[in-house]
Amino acid sequence: MGKTLVEYEKDKGFWISESMMQLVLYYILEEAEKPECSLLIRKTL
């Protein structure tokens, strides 16, 4: 299983498996499609 380093600040980050990253993205997109979603970037998703 492949792993990816996700960096979010200088010298900070975490390793995540690619299958888990796909699952997280799936759930984010599912929530963004709901009418009550308050994400500011909803239109760009």
PDB file of N, CA and C in Angstrom:
ATOM      1  N   MET A   1       0.848  -1.161   0.000  1.00  0.00           N
ATOM      2  CA  MET A   1       0.000   0.000   0.000  1.00  0.00           C
ATOM      3  C   MET A   1       0.906   1.241   0.000  1.00  0.00           C
ATOM      4  N   GLY A   2       0.602   2.201  -0.872  1.00  0.00           N
ATOM      5  CA  GLY A   2       1.395   3.414  -0.959  1.00  0.00           C
ATOM      6  C   GLY A   2       1.092   4.380   0.172  1.00  0.00           C
ATOM      7  N   LYS A   3       2.086   5.169   0.518  1.00  0.00           N
ATOM      8  CA  LYS A   3       1.911   6.179   1.554  1.00  0.00           C
ATOM      9  C   LYS A   3       2.338   7.527   0.996  1.00  0.00           C
ATOM     10  N   THR A   4       1.705   8.584   1.492  1.00  0.00           N
ATOM     11  CA  THR A   4       1.980   9.941   1.050  1.00  0.00           C
ATOM     12  C   THR A   4       2.208  10.830   2.262  1.00  0.00           C
ATOM     13  N   LEU A   5       3.184  11.712   2.173  1.00  0.00           N
ATOM     14  CA  LEU A   5       3.429  12.677   3.234  1.00  0.00           C
ATOM     15  C   LEU A   5       2.594  13.912   2.952  1.00  0.00           C
ATOM     16  N   VAL A   6       1.744  14.286   3.910  1.00  0.00           N
ATOM     17  CA  VAL A   6       0.921  15.483   3.800  1.00  0.00           C
ATOM     18  C   VAL A   6       1.558  16.532   4.707  1.00  0.00           C
ATOM     19  N   GLU A   7       2.097  17.582   4.103  1.00  0.00           N
ATOM     20  CA  GLU A   7       2.720  18.658   4.875  1.00  0.00           C
ATOM     21  C   GLU A   7       1.774  19.846   4.921  1.00  0.00           C
ATOM     22  N   TYR A   8       1.587  20.417   6.099  1.00  0.00           N
ATOM     23  CA  TYR A   8       0.660  21.533   6.227  1.00  0.00           C
ATOM     24  C   TYR A   8       1.300  22.776   6.815  1.00  0.00           C
ATOM     25  N   GLU A   9       2.457  22.700   7.351  1.00  0.00           N
ATOM     26  CA  GLU A   9       3.233  23.840   7.815  1.00  0.00           C
ATOM     27  C   GLU A   9       4.696  23.469   7.669  1.00  0.00           C
ATOM     28  N   LYS A  10       5.539  24.448   7.842  1.00  0.00           N
ATOM     29  CA  LYS A  10       6.965  24.161   7.752  1.00  0.00           C
ATOM     30  C   LYS A  10       7.355  23.132   8.813  1.00  0.00           C
ATOM     31  N   ASP A  11       7.942  22.057   8.359  1.00  0.00           N
ATOM     32  CA  ASP A  11       8.409  20.979   9.232  1.00  0.00           C
ATOM     33  C   ASP A  11       7.302  20.268   9.994  1.00  0.00           C
ATOM     34  N   LYS A  12       6.038  20.377   9.528  1.00  0.00           N
ATOM     35  CA  LYS A  12       4.937  19.650  10.155  1.00  0.00           C
ATOM     36  C   LYS A  12       4.186  18.896   9.074  1.00  0.00           C
ATOM     37  N   GLY A  13       3.671  17.759   9.440  1.00  0.00           N
ATOM     38  CA  GLY A  13       2.905  16.970   8.497  1.00  0.00           C
ATOM     39  C   GLY A  13       2.672  15.572   9.059  1.00  0.00           C
ATOM     40  N   PHE A  14       2.126  14.703   8.220  1.00  0.00           N
ATOM     41  CA  PHE A  14       1.865  13.343   8.650  1.00  0.00           C
ATOM     42  C   PHE A  14       1.834  12.425   7.431  1.00  0.00           C
ATOM     43  N   TRP A  15       2.054  11.159   7.674  1.00  0.00           N
ATOM     44  CA  TRP A  15       1.992  10.148   6.622  1.00  0.00           C
ATOM     45  C   TRP A  15       0.592   9.556   6.602  1.00  0.00           C
ATOM     46  N   ILE A  16       0.068   9.319   5.418  1.00  0.00           N
ATOM     47  CA  ILE A  16      -1.265   8.733   5.280  1.00  0.00           C
ATOM     48  C   ILE A  16      -1.236   7.743   4.124  1.00  0.00           C
ATOM     49  N   SER A  17      -1.938   6.639   4.278  1.00  0.00           N
ATOM     50  CA  SER A  17      -2.002   5.664   3.189  1.00  0.00           C
ATOM     51  C   SER A  17      -2.892   6.223   2.087  1.00  0.00           C
ATOM     52  N   GLU A  18      -2.575   5.874   0.863  1.00  0.00           N
ATOM     53  CA  GLU A  18      -3.323   6.409  -0.272  1.00  0.00           C
ATOM     54  C   GLU A  18      -4.783   5.972  -0.259  1.00  0.00           C
ATOM     55  N   SER A  19      -5.066   4.767   0.207  1.00  0.00           N
ATOM     56  CA  SER A  19      -6.460   4.314   0.262  1.00  0.00           C
ATOM     57  C   SER A  19      -7.252   5.118   1.298  1.00  0.00           C
ATOM     58  N   MET A  20      -6.623   5.482   2.419  1.00  0.00           N
ATOM     59  CA  MET A  20      -7.297   6.301   3.425  1.00  0.00           C
ATOM     60  C   MET A  20      -7.519   7.707   2.884  1.00  0.00           C
ATOM     61  N   MET A  21      -6.563   8.225   2.127  1.00  0.00           N
ATOM     62  CA  MET A  21      -6.702   9.550   1.544  1.00  0.00           C
ATOM     63  C   MET A  21      -7.867   9.583   0.556  1.00  0.00           C
ATOM     64  N   GLN A  22      -8.044   8.523  -0.227  1.00  0.00           N
ATOM     65  CA  GLN A  22      -9.170   8.446  -1.159  1.00  0.00           C
ATOM     66  C   GLN A  22     -10.493   8.404  -0.409  1.00  0.00           C
ATOM     67  N   LEU A  23     -10.531   7.683   0.692  1.00  0.00           N
ATOM     68  CA  LEU A  23     -11.744   7.584   1.498  1.00  0.00           C
ATOM     69  C   LEU A  23     -12.110   8.939   2.109  1.00  0.00           C
ATOM     70  N   VAL A  24     -11.136   9.651   2.635  1.00  0.00           N
ATOM     71  CA  VAL A  24     -11.382  10.974   3.212  1.00  0.00           C
ATOM     72  C   VAL A  24     -11.896  11.927   2.141  1.00  0.00           C
ATOM     73  N   LEU A  25     -11.282  11.921   0.964  1.00  0.00           N
ATOM     74  CA  LEU A  25     -11.722  12.788  -0.116  1.00  0.00           C
ATOM     75  C   LEU A  25     -13.153  12.465  -0.530  1.00  0.00           C
ATOM     76  N   TYR A  26     -13.493  11.182  -0.575  1.00  0.00           N
ATOM     77  CA  TYR A  26     -14.856  10.765  -0.917  1.00  0.00           C
ATOM     78  C   TYR A  26     -15.867  11.377   0.051  1.00  0.00           C
ATOM     79  N   TYR A  27     -15.585  11.285   1.368  1.00  0.00           N
ATOM     80  CA  TYR A  27     -16.524  11.813   2.356  1.00  0.00           C
ATOM     81  C   TYR A  27     -16.592  13.339   2.329  1.00  0.00           C
ATOM     82  N   ILE A  28     -15.477  14.003   2.053  1.00  0.00           N
ATOM     83  CA  ILE A  28     -15.493  15.463   1.932  1.00  0.00           C
ATOM     84  C   ILE A  28     -16.382  15.871   0.770  1.00  0.00           C
ATOM     85  N   LEU A  29     -16.251  15.214  -0.357  1.00  0.00           N
ATOM     86  CA  LEU A  29     -17.066  15.548  -1.522  1.00  0.00           C
ATOM     87  C   LEU A  29     -18.540  15.228  -1.290  1.00  0.00           C
ATOM     88  N   GLU A  30     -18.834  14.145  -0.585  1.00  0.00           N
ATOM     89  CA  GLU A  30     -20.217  13.814  -0.252  1.00  0.00           C
ATOM     90  C   GLU A  30     -20.845  14.918   0.595  1.00  0.00           C
ATOM     91  N   GLU A  31     -20.108  15.419   1.575  1.00  0.00           N
ATOM     92  CA  GLU A  31     -20.624  16.482   2.434  1.00  0.00           C
ATOM     93  C   GLU A  31     -20.754  17.796   1.672  1.00  0.00           C
ATOM     94  N   ALA A  32     -19.837  18.071   0.772  1.00  0.00           N
ATOM     95  CA  ALA A  32     -19.858  19.332   0.016  1.00  0.00           C
ATOM     96  C   ALA A  32     -21.051  19.402  -0.930  1.00  0.00           C
ATOM     97  N   GLU A  33     -21.573  18.264  -1.350  1.00  0.00           N
ATOM     98  CA  GLU A  33     -22.713  18.249  -2.258  1.00  0.00           C
ATOM     99  C   GLU A  33     -24.041  18.501  -1.556  1.00  0.00           C
ATOM    100  N   LYS A  34     -24.070  18.436  -0.245  1.00  0.00           N
ATOM    101  CA  LYS A  34     -25.309  18.667   0.506  1.00  0.00           C
ATOM    102  C   LYS A  34     -25.653  20.152   0.486  1.00  0.00           C
ATOM    103  N   PRO A  35     -26.932  20.487   0.382  1.00  0.00           N
ATOM    104  CA  PRO A  35     -27.353  21.895   0.332  1.00  0.00           C
ATOM    105  C   PRO A  35     -26.971  22.690   1.578  1.00  0.00           C
ATOM    106  N   GLU A  36     -26.912  22.037   2.714  1.00  0.00           N
ATOM    107  CA  GLU A  36     -26.599  22.750   3.957  1.00  0.00           C
ATOM    108  C   GLU A  36     -25.098  22.904   4.189  1.00  0.00           C
ATOM    109  N   CYS A  37     -24.310  22.512   3.241  1.00  0.00           N
ATOM    110  CA  CYS A  37     -22.854  22.619   3.355  1.00  0.00           C
ATOM    111  C   CYS A  37     -22.440  24.082   3.443  1.00  0.00           C
ATOM    112  N   SER A  38     -21.569  24.393   4.393  1.00  0.00           N
ATOM    113  CA  SER A  38     -21.147  25.779   4.582  1.00  0.00           C
ATOM    114  C   SER A  38     -19.705  26.017   4.144  1.00  0.00           C
ATOM    115  N   LEU A  39     -19.169  25.116   3.365  1.00  0.00           N
ATOM    116  CA  LEU A  39     -17.800  25.320   2.882  1.00  0.00           C
ATOM    117  C   LEU A  39     -17.736  26.540   1.973  1.00  0.00           C
ATOM    118  N   LEU A  40     -16.763  27.373   2.194  1.00  0.00           N
ATOM    119  CA  LEU A  40     -16.638  28.576   1.375  1.00  0.00           C
ATOM    120  C   LEU A  40     -16.239  28.247  -0.061  1.00  0.00           C
ATOM    121  N   ILE A  41     -15.561  27.117  -0.237  1.00  0.00           N
ATOM    122  CA  ILE A  41     -15.084  26.758  -1.572  1.00  0.00           C
ATOM    123  C   ILE A  41     -15.993  25.733  -2.243  1.00  0.00           C
ATOM    124  N   ARG A  42     -17.216  25.638  -1.797  1.00  0.00           N
ATOM    125  CA  ARG A  42     -18.143  24.621  -2.291  1.00  0.00           C
ATOM    126  C   ARG A  42     -18.279  24.658  -3.812  1.00  0.00           C
ATOM    127  N   LYS A  43     -18.360  25.848  -4.399  1.00  0.00           N
ATOM    128  CA  LYS A  43     -18.551  25.951  -5.836  1.00  0.00           C
ATOM    129  C   LYS A  43     -17.350  25.453  -6.619  1.00  0.00           C
ATOM    130  N   THR A  44     -16.166  25.461  -6.025  1.00  0.00           N
ATOM    131  CA  THR A  44     -14.982  25.004  -6.732  1.00  0.00           C
ATOM    132  C   THR A  44     -14.759  23.511  -6.589  1.00  0.00           C
ATOM    133  N   LEU A  45     -15.480  22.861  -5.683  1.00  0.00           N
ATOM    134  CA  LEU A  45     -15.352  21.419  -5.533  1.00  0.00           C
ATOM    135  C   LEU A  45     -16.150  20.765  -6.623  1.00  0.00           C
TER     136      LEU A  45
END
